[in-house]
mmCIF file of all heavy atoms, coordinates in Angstrom:
data_MODEL
# 
_entry.id   MODEL 
# 
loop_
_atom_site.group_PDB 
_atom_site.id 
_atom_site.type_symbol 
_atom_site.label_atom_id 
_atom_site.label_alt_id 
_atom_site.label_comp_id 
_atom_site.label_asym_id 
_atom_site.label_entity_id 
_atom_site.label_seq_id 
_atom_site.pdbx_PDB_ins_code 
_atom_site.Cartn_x 
_atom_site.Cartn_y 
_atom_site.Cartn_z 
_atom_site.occupancy 
_atom_site.B_iso_or_equiv 
_atom_site.pdbx_formal_charge 
_atom_site.auth_seq_id 
_atom_site.auth_comp_id 
_atom_site.auth_asym_id 
_atom_site.auth_atom_id 
_atom_site.pdbx_PDB_model_num 
ATOM 1   N N   . ALA A 1 1  ? -22.660 -0.688  9.604  1.00 0.00 ? 1  ALA A N   1 
ATOM 2   C CA  . ALA A 1 1  ? -21.399 -0.497  8.887  1.00 0.00 ? 1  ALA A CA  1 
ATOM 3   C C   . ALA A 1 1  ? -20.445 -1.669  9.065  1.00 0.00 ? 1  ALA A C   1 
ATOM 4   O O   . ALA A 1 1  ? -19.729 -2.047  8.141  1.00 0.00 ? 1  ALA A O   1 
ATOM 5   C CB  . ALA A 1 1  ? -20.742 0.802   9.349  1.00 0.00 ? 1  ALA A CB  1 
ATOM 6   N N   . PHE A 1 2  ? -20.420 -2.253  10.249 1.00 0.00 ? 2  PHE A N   1 
ATOM 7   C CA  . PHE A 1 2  ? -19.532 -3.374  10.523 1.00 0.00 ? 2  PHE A CA  1 
ATOM 8   C C   . PHE A 1 2  ? -20.320 -4.667  10.581 1.00 0.00 ? 2  PHE A C   1 
ATOM 9   O O   . PHE A 1 2  ? -21.313 -4.772  11.308 1.00 0.00 ? 2  PHE A O   1 
ATOM 10  C CB  . PHE A 1 2  ? -18.788 -3.169  11.849 1.00 0.00 ? 2  PHE A CB  1 
ATOM 11  C CG  . PHE A 1 2  ? -18.003 -4.369  12.280 1.00 0.00 ? 2  PHE A CG  1 
ATOM 12  C CD1 . PHE A 1 2  ? -16.888 -4.784  11.569 1.00 0.00 ? 2  PHE A CD1 1 
ATOM 13  C CD2 . PHE A 1 2  ? -18.389 -5.103  13.403 1.00 0.00 ? 2  PHE A CD2 1 
ATOM 14  C CE1 . PHE A 1 2  ? -16.165 -5.908  11.960 1.00 0.00 ? 2  PHE A CE1 1 
ATOM 15  C CE2 . PHE A 1 2  ? -17.675 -6.221  13.805 1.00 0.00 ? 2  PHE A CE2 1 
ATOM 16  C CZ  . PHE A 1 2  ? -16.563 -6.623  13.078 1.00 0.00 ? 2  PHE A CZ  1 
ATOM 17  N N   . ARG A 1 3  ? -19.867 -5.669  9.833  1.00 0.00 ? 3  ARG A N   1 
ATOM 18  C CA  . ARG A 1 3  ? -20.524 -6.978  9.815  1.00 0.00 ? 3  ARG A CA  1 
ATOM 19  C C   . ARG A 1 3  ? -19.496 -8.051  10.157 1.00 0.00 ? 3  ARG A C   1 
ATOM 20  O O   . ARG A 1 3  ? -18.450 -8.147  9.531  1.00 0.00 ? 3  ARG A O   1 
ATOM 21  C CB  . ARG A 1 3  ? -21.126 -7.262  8.439  1.00 0.00 ? 3  ARG A CB  1 
ATOM 22  C CG  . ARG A 1 3  ? -22.208 -6.286  7.998  1.00 0.00 ? 3  ARG A CG  1 
ATOM 23  C CD  . ARG A 1 3  ? -22.602 -6.485  6.546  1.00 0.00 ? 3  ARG A CD  1 
ATOM 24  N NE  . ARG A 1 3  ? -21.460 -6.290  5.661  1.00 0.00 ? 3  ARG A NE  1 
ATOM 25  C CZ  . ARG A 1 3  ? -20.943 -7.228  4.881  1.00 0.00 ? 3  ARG A CZ  1 
ATOM 26  N NH1 . ARG A 1 3  ? -21.478 -8.453  4.874  1.00 0.00 ? 3  ARG A NH1 1 
ATOM 27  N NH2 . ARG A 1 3  ? -19.908 -6.970  4.109  1.00 0.00 ? 3  ARG A NH2 1 
ATOM 28  N N   . SER A 1 4  ? -19.824 -8.865  11.139 1.00 0.00 ? 4  SER A N   1 
ATOM 29  C CA  . SER A 1 4  ? -18.913 -9.933  11.554 1.00 0.00 ? 4  SER A CA  1 
ATOM 30  C C   . SER A 1 4  ? -18.723 -10.980 10.474 1.00 0.00 ? 4  SER A C   1 
ATOM 31  O O   . SER A 1 4  ? -17.728 -11.709 10.477 1.00 0.00 ? 4  SER A O   1 
ATOM 32  C CB  . SER A 1 4  ? -19.440 -10.612 12.829 1.00 0.00 ? 4  SER A CB  1 
ATOM 33  O OG  . SER A 1 4  ? -19.510 -9.696  13.890 1.00 0.00 ? 4  SER A OG  1 
ATOM 34  N N   . SER A 1 5  ? -19.667 -11.070 9.533  1.00 0.00 ? 5  SER A N   1 
ATOM 35  C CA  . SER A 1 5  ? -19.596 -12.087 8.483  1.00 0.00 ? 5  SER A CA  1 
ATOM 36  C C   . SER A 1 5  ? -18.754 -11.652 7.291  1.00 0.00 ? 5  SER A C   1 
ATOM 37  O O   . SER A 1 5  ? -18.461 -12.459 6.410  1.00 0.00 ? 5  SER A O   1 
ATOM 38  C CB  . SER A 1 5  ? -21.008 -12.436 8.002  1.00 0.00 ? 5  SER A CB  1 
ATOM 39  O OG  . SER A 1 5  ? -21.656 -11.277 7.481  1.00 0.00 ? 5  SER A OG  1 
ATOM 40  N N   . SER A 1 6  ? -18.367 -10.383 7.239  1.00 0.00 ? 6  SER A N   1 
ATOM 41  C CA  . SER A 1 6  ? -17.572 -9.890  6.116  1.00 0.00 ? 6  SER A CA  1 
ATOM 42  C C   . SER A 1 6  ? -16.139 -10.413 6.205  1.00 0.00 ? 6  SER A C   1 
ATOM 43  O O   . SER A 1 6  ? -15.693 -10.909 7.244  1.00 0.00 ? 6  SER A O   1 
ATOM 44  C CB  . SER A 1 6  ? -17.562 -8.364  6.107  1.00 0.00 ? 6  SER A CB  1 
ATOM 45  O OG  . SER A 1 6  ? -16.862 -7.871  7.244  1.00 0.00 ? 6  SER A OG  1 
ATOM 46  N N   . ILE A 1 7  ? -15.401 -10.293 5.098  1.00 0.00 ? 7  ILE A N   1 
ATOM 47  C CA  . ILE A 1 7  ? -13.993 -10.690 5.099  1.00 0.00 ? 7  ILE A CA  1 
ATOM 48  C C   . ILE A 1 7  ? -13.226 -9.867  6.132  1.00 0.00 ? 7  ILE A C   1 
ATOM 49  O O   . ILE A 1 7  ? -12.396 -10.398 6.879  1.00 0.00 ? 7  ILE A O   1 
ATOM 50  C CB  . ILE A 1 7  ? -13.373 -10.493 3.700  1.00 0.00 ? 7  ILE A CB  1 
ATOM 51  C CG1 . ILE A 1 7  ? -13.943 -11.524 2.708  1.00 0.00 ? 7  ILE A CG1 1 
ATOM 52  C CG2 . ILE A 1 7  ? -11.858 -10.610 3.763  1.00 0.00 ? 7  ILE A CG2 1 
ATOM 53  C CD1 . ILE A 1 7  ? -13.472 -12.936 2.943  1.00 0.00 ? 7  ILE A CD1 1 
ATOM 54  N N   . PHE A 1 8  ? -13.521 -8.573  6.198  1.00 0.00 ? 8  PHE A N   1 
ATOM 55  C CA  . PHE A 1 8  ? -12.849 -7.741  7.188  1.00 0.00 ? 8  PHE A CA  1 
ATOM 56  C C   . PHE A 1 8  ? -13.215 -8.166  8.601  1.00 0.00 ? 8  PHE A C   1 
ATOM 57  O O   . PHE A 1 8  ? -12.352 -8.287  9.474  1.00 0.00 ? 8  PHE A O   1 
ATOM 58  C CB  . PHE A 1 8  ? -13.212 -6.263  6.979  1.00 0.00 ? 8  PHE A CB  1 
ATOM 59  C CG  . PHE A 1 8  ? -12.707 -5.366  8.074  1.00 0.00 ? 8  PHE A CG  1 
ATOM 60  C CD1 . PHE A 1 8  ? -11.346 -5.132  8.217  1.00 0.00 ? 8  PHE A CD1 1 
ATOM 61  C CD2 . PHE A 1 8  ? -13.583 -4.779  8.970  1.00 0.00 ? 8  PHE A CD2 1 
ATOM 62  C CE1 . PHE A 1 8  ? -10.866 -4.331  9.243  1.00 0.00 ? 8  PHE A CE1 1 
ATOM 63  C CE2 . PHE A 1 8  ? -13.114 -3.967  9.995  1.00 0.00 ? 8  PHE A CE2 1 
ATOM 64  C CZ  . PHE A 1 8  ? -11.752 -3.745  10.133 1.00 0.00 ? 8  PHE A CZ  1 
ATOM 65  N N   . GLY A 1 9  ? -14.510 -8.421  8.826  1.00 0.00 ? 9  GLY A N   1 
ATOM 66  C CA  . GLY A 1 9  ? -14.987 -8.739  10.169 1.00 0.00 ? 9  GLY A CA  1 
ATOM 67  C C   . GLY A 1 9  ? -14.658 -10.140 10.641 1.00 0.00 ? 9  GLY A C   1 
ATOM 68  O O   . GLY A 1 9  ? -14.584 -10.386 11.849 1.00 0.00 ? 9  GLY A O   1 
ATOM 69  N N   . SER A 1 10 ? -14.442 -11.065 9.713  1.00 0.00 ? 10 SER A N   1 
ATOM 70  C CA  . SER A 1 10 ? -14.200 -12.462 10.111 1.00 0.00 ? 10 SER A CA  1 
ATOM 71  C C   . SER A 1 10 ? -12.752 -12.894 9.965  1.00 0.00 ? 10 SER A C   1 
ATOM 72  O O   . SER A 1 10 ? -12.329 -13.866 10.596 1.00 0.00 ? 10 SER A O   1 
ATOM 73  C CB  . SER A 1 10 ? -15.087 -13.400 9.287  1.00 0.00 ? 10 SER A CB  1 
ATOM 74  O OG  . SER A 1 10 ? -14.761 -13.308 7.903  1.00 0.00 ? 10 SER A OG  1 
ATOM 75  N N   . ILE A 1 11 ? -11.988 -12.206 9.129  1.00 0.00 ? 11 ILE A N   1 
ATOM 76  C CA  . ILE A 1 11 ? -10.615 -12.634 8.866  1.00 0.00 ? 11 ILE A CA  1 
ATOM 77  C C   . ILE A 1 11 ? -9.583  -11.543 9.164  1.00 0.00 ? 11 ILE A C   1 
ATOM 78  O O   . ILE A 1 11 ? -8.667  -11.736 9.965  1.00 0.00 ? 11 ILE A O   1 
ATOM 79  C CB  . ILE A 1 11 ? -10.464 -13.110 7.405  1.00 0.00 ? 11 ILE A CB  1 
ATOM 80  C CG1 . ILE A 1 11 ? -11.298 -14.364 7.169  1.00 0.00 ? 11 ILE A CG1 1 
ATOM 81  C CG2 . ILE A 1 11 ? -8.999  -13.369 7.057  1.00 0.00 ? 11 ILE A CG2 1 
ATOM 82  C CD1 . ILE A 1 11 ? -11.311 -14.859 5.749  1.00 0.00 ? 11 ILE A CD1 1 
ATOM 83  N N   . GLU A 1 12 ? -9.764  -10.389 8.535  1.00 0.00 ? 12 GLU A N   1 
ATOM 84  C CA  . GLU A 1 12 ? -8.693  -9.393  8.583  1.00 0.00 ? 12 GLU A CA  1 
ATOM 85  C C   . GLU A 1 12 ? -8.440  -8.836  9.989  1.00 0.00 ? 12 GLU A C   1 
ATOM 86  O O   . GLU A 1 12 ? -7.286  -8.715  10.416 1.00 0.00 ? 12 GLU A O   1 
ATOM 87  C CB  . GLU A 1 12 ? -8.999  -8.270  7.577  1.00 0.00 ? 12 GLU A CB  1 
ATOM 88  C CG  . GLU A 1 12 ? -8.841  -8.753  6.144  1.00 0.00 ? 12 GLU A CG  1 
ATOM 89  C CD  . GLU A 1 12 ? -9.359  -7.790  5.106  1.00 0.00 ? 12 GLU A CD  1 
ATOM 90  O OE1 . GLU A 1 12 ? -10.238 -6.955  5.427  1.00 0.00 ? 12 GLU A OE1 1 
ATOM 91  O OE2 . GLU A 1 12 ? -8.906  -7.871  3.948  1.00 0.00 ? 12 GLU A OE2 1 
ATOM 92  N N   . ILE A 1 13 ? -9.507  -8.479  10.733 1.00 0.00 ? 13 ILE A N   1 
ATOM 93  C CA  . ILE A 1 13 ? -9.266  -7.875  12.047 1.00 0.00 ? 13 ILE A CA  1 
ATOM 94  C C   . ILE A 1 13 ? -8.614  -8.850  13.024 1.00 0.00 ? 13 ILE A C   1 
ATOM 95  O O   . ILE A 1 13 ? -7.923  -8.432  13.951 1.00 0.00 ? 13 ILE A O   1 
ATOM 96  C CB  . ILE A 1 13 ? -10.565 -7.300  12.672 1.00 0.00 ? 13 ILE A CB  1 
ATOM 97  C CG1 . ILE A 1 13 ? -11.618 -8.391  12.879 1.00 0.00 ? 13 ILE A CG1 1 
ATOM 98  C CG2 . ILE A 1 13 ? -11.105 -6.175  11.854 1.00 0.00 ? 13 ILE A CG2 1 
ATOM 99  C CD1 . ILE A 1 13 ? -12.822 -7.889  13.661 1.00 0.00 ? 13 ILE A CD1 1 
ATOM 100 N N   . PHE A 1 14 ? -8.799  -10.148 12.805 1.00 0.00 ? 14 PHE A N   1 
ATOM 101 C CA  . PHE A 1 14 ? -8.226  -11.135 13.718 1.00 0.00 ? 14 PHE A CA  1 
ATOM 102 C C   . PHE A 1 14 ? -6.812  -11.553 13.311 1.00 0.00 ? 14 PHE A C   1 
ATOM 103 O O   . PHE A 1 14 ? -6.182  -12.351 14.006 1.00 0.00 ? 14 PHE A O   1 
ATOM 104 C CB  . PHE A 1 14 ? -9.136  -12.360 13.804 1.00 0.00 ? 14 PHE A CB  1 
ATOM 105 C CG  . PHE A 1 14 ? -10.475 -12.053 14.406 1.00 0.00 ? 14 PHE A CG  1 
ATOM 106 C CD1 . PHE A 1 14 ? -11.627 -12.064 13.624 1.00 0.00 ? 14 PHE A CD1 1 
ATOM 107 C CD2 . PHE A 1 14 ? -10.596 -11.715 15.746 1.00 0.00 ? 14 PHE A CD2 1 
ATOM 108 C CE1 . PHE A 1 14 ? -12.867 -11.766 14.174 1.00 0.00 ? 14 PHE A CE1 1 
ATOM 109 C CE2 . PHE A 1 14 ? -11.818 -11.416 16.307 1.00 0.00 ? 14 PHE A CE2 1 
ATOM 110 C CZ  . PHE A 1 14 ? -12.960 -11.435 15.528 1.00 0.00 ? 14 PHE A CZ  1 
ATOM 111 N N   . ASN A 1 15 ? -6.329  -11.024 12.207 1.00 0.00 ? 15 ASN A N   1 
ATOM 112 C CA  . ASN A 1 15 ? -4.967  -11.321 11.775 1.00 0.00 ? 15 ASN A CA  1 
ATOM 113 C C   . ASN A 1 15 ? -4.069  -10.088 11.780 1.00 0.00 ? 15 ASN A C   1 
ATOM 114 O O   . ASN A 1 15 ? -2.925  -10.152 11.316 1.00 0.00 ? 15 ASN A O   1 
ATOM 115 C CB  . ASN A 1 15 ? -4.986  -11.965 10.389 1.00 0.00 ? 15 ASN A CB  1 
ATOM 116 C CG  . ASN A 1 15 ? -5.413  -13.425 10.435 1.00 0.00 ? 15 ASN A CG  1 
ATOM 117 O OD1 . ASN A 1 15 ? -4.648  -14.299 10.824 1.00 0.00 ? 15 ASN A OD1 1 
ATOM 118 N ND2 . ASN A 1 15 ? -6.673  -13.676 10.071 1.00 0.00 ? 15 ASN A ND2 1 
ATOM 119 N N   . LEU A 1 16 ? -4.585  -8.963  12.296 1.00 0.00 ? 16 LEU A N   1 
ATOM 120 C CA  . LEU A 1 16 ? -3.727  -7.809  12.545 1.00 0.00 ? 16 LEU A CA  1 
ATOM 121 C C   . LEU A 1 16 ? -2.837  -8.134  13.740 1.00 0.00 ? 16 LEU A C   1 
ATOM 122 O O   . LEU A 1 16 ? -3.294  -8.692  14.733 1.00 0.00 ? 16 LEU A O   1 
ATOM 123 C CB  . LEU A 1 16 ? -4.568  -6.567  12.834 1.00 0.00 ? 16 LEU A CB  1 
ATOM 124 C CG  . LEU A 1 16 ? -5.436  -6.029  11.688 1.00 0.00 ? 16 LEU A CG  1 
ATOM 125 C CD1 . LEU A 1 16 ? -6.348  -4.915  12.196 1.00 0.00 ? 16 LEU A CD1 1 
ATOM 126 C CD2 . LEU A 1 16 ? -4.561  -5.525  10.540 1.00 0.00 ? 16 LEU A CD2 1 
ATOM 127 N N   . ASN A 1 17 ? -1.592  -7.758  13.641 1.00 0.00 ? 17 ASN A N   1 
ATOM 128 C CA  . ASN A 1 17 ? -0.628  -8.083  14.691 1.00 0.00 ? 17 ASN A CA  1 
ATOM 129 C C   . ASN A 1 17 ? -0.436  -6.869  15.614 1.00 0.00 ? 17 ASN A C   1 
ATOM 130 O O   . ASN A 1 17 ? 0.111   -5.852  15.184 1.00 0.00 ? 17 ASN A O   1 
ATOM 131 C CB  . ASN A 1 17 ? 0.703   -8.481  14.065 1.00 0.00 ? 17 ASN A CB  1 
ATOM 132 C CG  . ASN A 1 17 ? 1.706   -8.992  15.081 1.00 0.00 ? 17 ASN A CG  1 
ATOM 133 O OD1 . ASN A 1 17 ? 1.548   -8.793  16.289 1.00 0.00 ? 17 ASN A OD1 1 
ATOM 134 N ND2 . ASN A 1 17 ? 2.746   -9.650  14.597 1.00 0.00 ? 17 ASN A ND2 1 
ATOM 135 N N   . PRO A 1 18 ? -0.871  -6.947  16.879 1.00 0.00 ? 18 PRO A N   1 
ATOM 136 C CA  . PRO A 1 18 ? -0.732  -5.807  17.791 1.00 0.00 ? 18 PRO A CA  1 
ATOM 137 C C   . PRO A 1 18 ? 0.720   -5.422  18.070 1.00 0.00 ? 18 PRO A C   1 
ATOM 138 O O   . PRO A 1 18 ? 0.989   -4.317  18.538 1.00 0.00 ? 18 PRO A O   1 
ATOM 139 C CB  . PRO A 1 18 ? -1.442  -6.289  19.067 1.00 0.00 ? 18 PRO A CB  1 
ATOM 140 C CG  . PRO A 1 18 ? -1.489  -7.774  18.960 1.00 0.00 ? 18 PRO A CG  1 
ATOM 141 C CD  . PRO A 1 18 ? -1.541  -8.093  17.512 1.00 0.00 ? 18 PRO A CD  1 
ATOM 142 N N   . ASP A 1 19 ? 1.649   -6.323  17.797 1.00 0.00 ? 19 ASP A N   1 
ATOM 143 C CA  . ASP A 1 19 ? 3.060   -5.988  17.956 1.00 0.00 ? 19 ASP A CA  1 
ATOM 144 C C   . ASP A 1 19 ? 3.589   -5.163  16.791 1.00 0.00 ? 19 ASP A C   1 
ATOM 145 O O   . ASP A 1 19 ? 4.650   -4.535  16.895 1.00 0.00 ? 19 ASP A O   1 
ATOM 146 C CB  . ASP A 1 19 ? 3.894   -7.274  18.080 1.00 0.00 ? 19 ASP A CB  1 
ATOM 147 C CG  . ASP A 1 19 ? 3.574   -8.045  19.355 1.00 0.00 ? 19 ASP A CG  1 
ATOM 148 O OD1 . ASP A 1 19 ? 3.233   -7.403  20.369 1.00 0.00 ? 19 ASP A OD1 1 
ATOM 149 O OD2 . ASP A 1 19 ? 3.648   -9.300  19.318 1.00 0.00 ? 19 ASP A OD2 1 
ATOM 150 N N   . LYS A 1 20 ? 2.839   -5.165  15.684 1.00 0.00 ? 20 LYS A N   1 
ATOM 151 C CA  . LYS A 1 20 ? 3.260   -4.407  14.492 1.00 0.00 ? 20 LYS A CA  1 
ATOM 152 C C   . LYS A 1 20 ? 2.349   -3.209  14.207 1.00 0.00 ? 20 LYS A C   1 
ATOM 153 O O   . LYS A 1 20 ? 2.798   -2.197  13.672 1.00 0.00 ? 20 LYS A O   1 
ATOM 154 C CB  . LYS A 1 20 ? 3.273   -5.332  13.267 1.00 0.00 ? 20 LYS A CB  1 
ATOM 155 C CG  . LYS A 1 20 ? 4.310   -6.437  13.319 1.00 0.00 ? 20 LYS A CG  1 
ATOM 156 C CD  . LYS A 1 20 ? 4.070   -7.475  12.229 1.00 0.00 ? 20 LYS A CD  1 
ATOM 157 C CE  . LYS A 1 20 ? 4.066   -6.876  10.839 1.00 0.00 ? 20 LYS A CE  1 
ATOM 158 N NZ  . LYS A 1 20 ? 3.848   -7.894  9.782  1.00 0.00 ? 20 LYS A NZ  1 
ATOM 159 N N   . VAL A 1 21 ? 1.073   -3.343  14.560 1.00 0.00 ? 21 VAL A N   1 
ATOM 160 C CA  . VAL A 1 21 ? 0.095   -2.273  14.280 1.00 0.00 ? 21 VAL A CA  1 
ATOM 161 C C   . VAL A 1 21 ? -0.091  -1.425  15.526 1.00 0.00 ? 21 VAL A C   1 
ATOM 162 O O   . VAL A 1 21 ? -0.453  -1.931  16.593 1.00 0.00 ? 21 VAL A O   1 
ATOM 163 C CB  . VAL A 1 21 ? -1.256  -2.883  13.836 1.00 0.00 ? 21 VAL A CB  1 
ATOM 164 C CG1 . VAL A 1 21 ? -2.299  -1.792  13.669 1.00 0.00 ? 21 VAL A CG1 1 
ATOM 165 C CG2 . VAL A 1 21 ? -1.078  -3.670  12.536 1.00 0.00 ? 21 VAL A CG2 1 
ATOM 166 N N   . SER A 1 22 ? 0.130   -0.116  15.384 1.00 0.00 ? 22 SER A N   1 
ATOM 167 C CA  . SER A 1 22 ? 0.040   0.774   16.541 1.00 0.00 ? 22 SER A CA  1 
ATOM 168 C C   . SER A 1 22 ? -1.358  1.337   16.753 1.00 0.00 ? 22 SER A C   1 
ATOM 169 O O   . SER A 1 22 ? -1.752  1.618   17.883 1.00 0.00 ? 22 SER A O   1 
ATOM 170 C CB  . SER A 1 22 ? 1.030   1.936   16.379 1.00 0.00 ? 22 SER A CB  1 
ATOM 171 O OG  . SER A 1 22 ? 0.772   2.659   15.180 1.00 0.00 ? 22 SER A OG  1 
ATOM 172 N N   . ALA A 1 23 ? -2.126  1.512   15.678 1.00 0.00 ? 23 ALA A N   1 
ATOM 173 C CA  . ALA A 1 23 ? -3.461  2.093   15.813 1.00 0.00 ? 23 ALA A CA  1 
ATOM 174 C C   . ALA A 1 23 ? -4.315  1.748   14.603 1.00 0.00 ? 23 ALA A C   1 
ATOM 175 O O   . ALA A 1 23 ? -3.796  1.457   13.514 1.00 0.00 ? 23 ALA A O   1 
ATOM 176 C CB  . ALA A 1 23 ? -3.377  3.612   15.965 1.00 0.00 ? 23 ALA A CB  1 
ATOM 177 N N   . VAL A 1 24 ? -5.636  1.775   14.808 1.00 0.00 ? 24 VAL A N   1 
ATOM 178 C CA  . VAL A 1 24 ? -6.598  1.543   13.731 1.00 0.00 ? 24 VAL A CA  1 
ATOM 179 C C   . VAL A 1 24 ? -7.494  2.772   13.622 1.00 0.00 ? 24 VAL A C   1 
ATOM 180 O O   . VAL A 1 24 ? -8.157  3.153   14.588 1.00 0.00 ? 24 VAL A O   1 
ATOM 181 C CB  . VAL A 1 24 ? -7.464  0.285   14.007 1.00 0.00 ? 24 VAL A CB  1 
ATOM 182 C CG1 . VAL A 1 24 ? -8.488  0.103   12.883 1.00 0.00 ? 24 VAL A CG1 1 
ATOM 183 C CG2 . VAL A 1 24 ? -6.585  -0.958  14.131 1.00 0.00 ? 24 VAL A CG2 1 
ATOM 184 N N   . HIS A 1 25 ? -7.497  3.399   12.439 1.00 0.00 ? 25 HIS A N   1 
ATOM 185 C CA  . HIS A 1 25 ? -8.335  4.563   12.188 1.00 0.00 ? 25 HIS A CA  1 
ATOM 186 C C   . HIS A 1 25 ? -9.523  4.146   11.332 1.00 0.00 ? 25 HIS A C   1 
ATOM 187 O O   . HIS A 1 25 ? -9.338  3.632   10.222 1.00 0.00 ? 25 HIS A O   1 
ATOM 188 C CB  . HIS A 1 25 ? -7.549  5.662   11.476 1.00 0.00 ? 25 HIS A CB  1 
ATOM 189 C CG  . HIS A 1 25 ? -6.500  6.300   12.347 1.00 0.00 ? 25 HIS A CG  1 
ATOM 190 N ND1 . HIS A 1 25 ? -5.614  7.244   11.865 1.00 0.00 ? 25 HIS A ND1 1 
ATOM 191 C CD2 . HIS A 1 25 ? -6.210  6.135   13.662 1.00 0.00 ? 25 HIS A CD2 1 
ATOM 192 C CE1 . HIS A 1 25 ? -4.817  7.625   12.853 1.00 0.00 ? 25 HIS A CE1 1 
ATOM 193 N NE2 . HIS A 1 25 ? -5.153  6.971   13.940 1.00 0.00 ? 25 HIS A NE2 1 
ATOM 194 N N   . ILE A 1 26 ? -10.719 4.351   11.834 1.00 0.00 ? 26 ILE A N   1 
ATOM 195 C CA  . ILE A 1 26 ? -11.940 4.006   11.096 1.00 0.00 ? 26 ILE A CA  1 
ATOM 196 C C   . ILE A 1 26 ? -12.455 5.247   10.393 1.00 0.00 ? 26 ILE A C   1 
ATOM 197 O O   . ILE A 1 26 ? -12.656 6.298   11.018 1.00 0.00 ? 26 ILE A O   1 
ATOM 198 C CB  . ILE A 1 26 ? -13.018 3.457   12.049 1.00 0.00 ? 26 ILE A CB  1 
ATOM 199 C CG1 . ILE A 1 26 ? -12.502 2.221   12.792 1.00 0.00 ? 26 ILE A CG1 1 
ATOM 200 C CG2 . ILE A 1 26 ? -14.298 3.119   11.274 1.00 0.00 ? 26 ILE A CG2 1 
ATOM 201 C CD1 . ILE A 1 26 ? -13.405 1.776   13.937 1.00 0.00 ? 26 ILE A CD1 1 
# 
């Protein structure tokens, strides 16, 4: 289900800001 090569896996998850995002629901 999760691929490190995808846009989500390579870009989006590393640009979420932990100071702004409180939780991630999969």
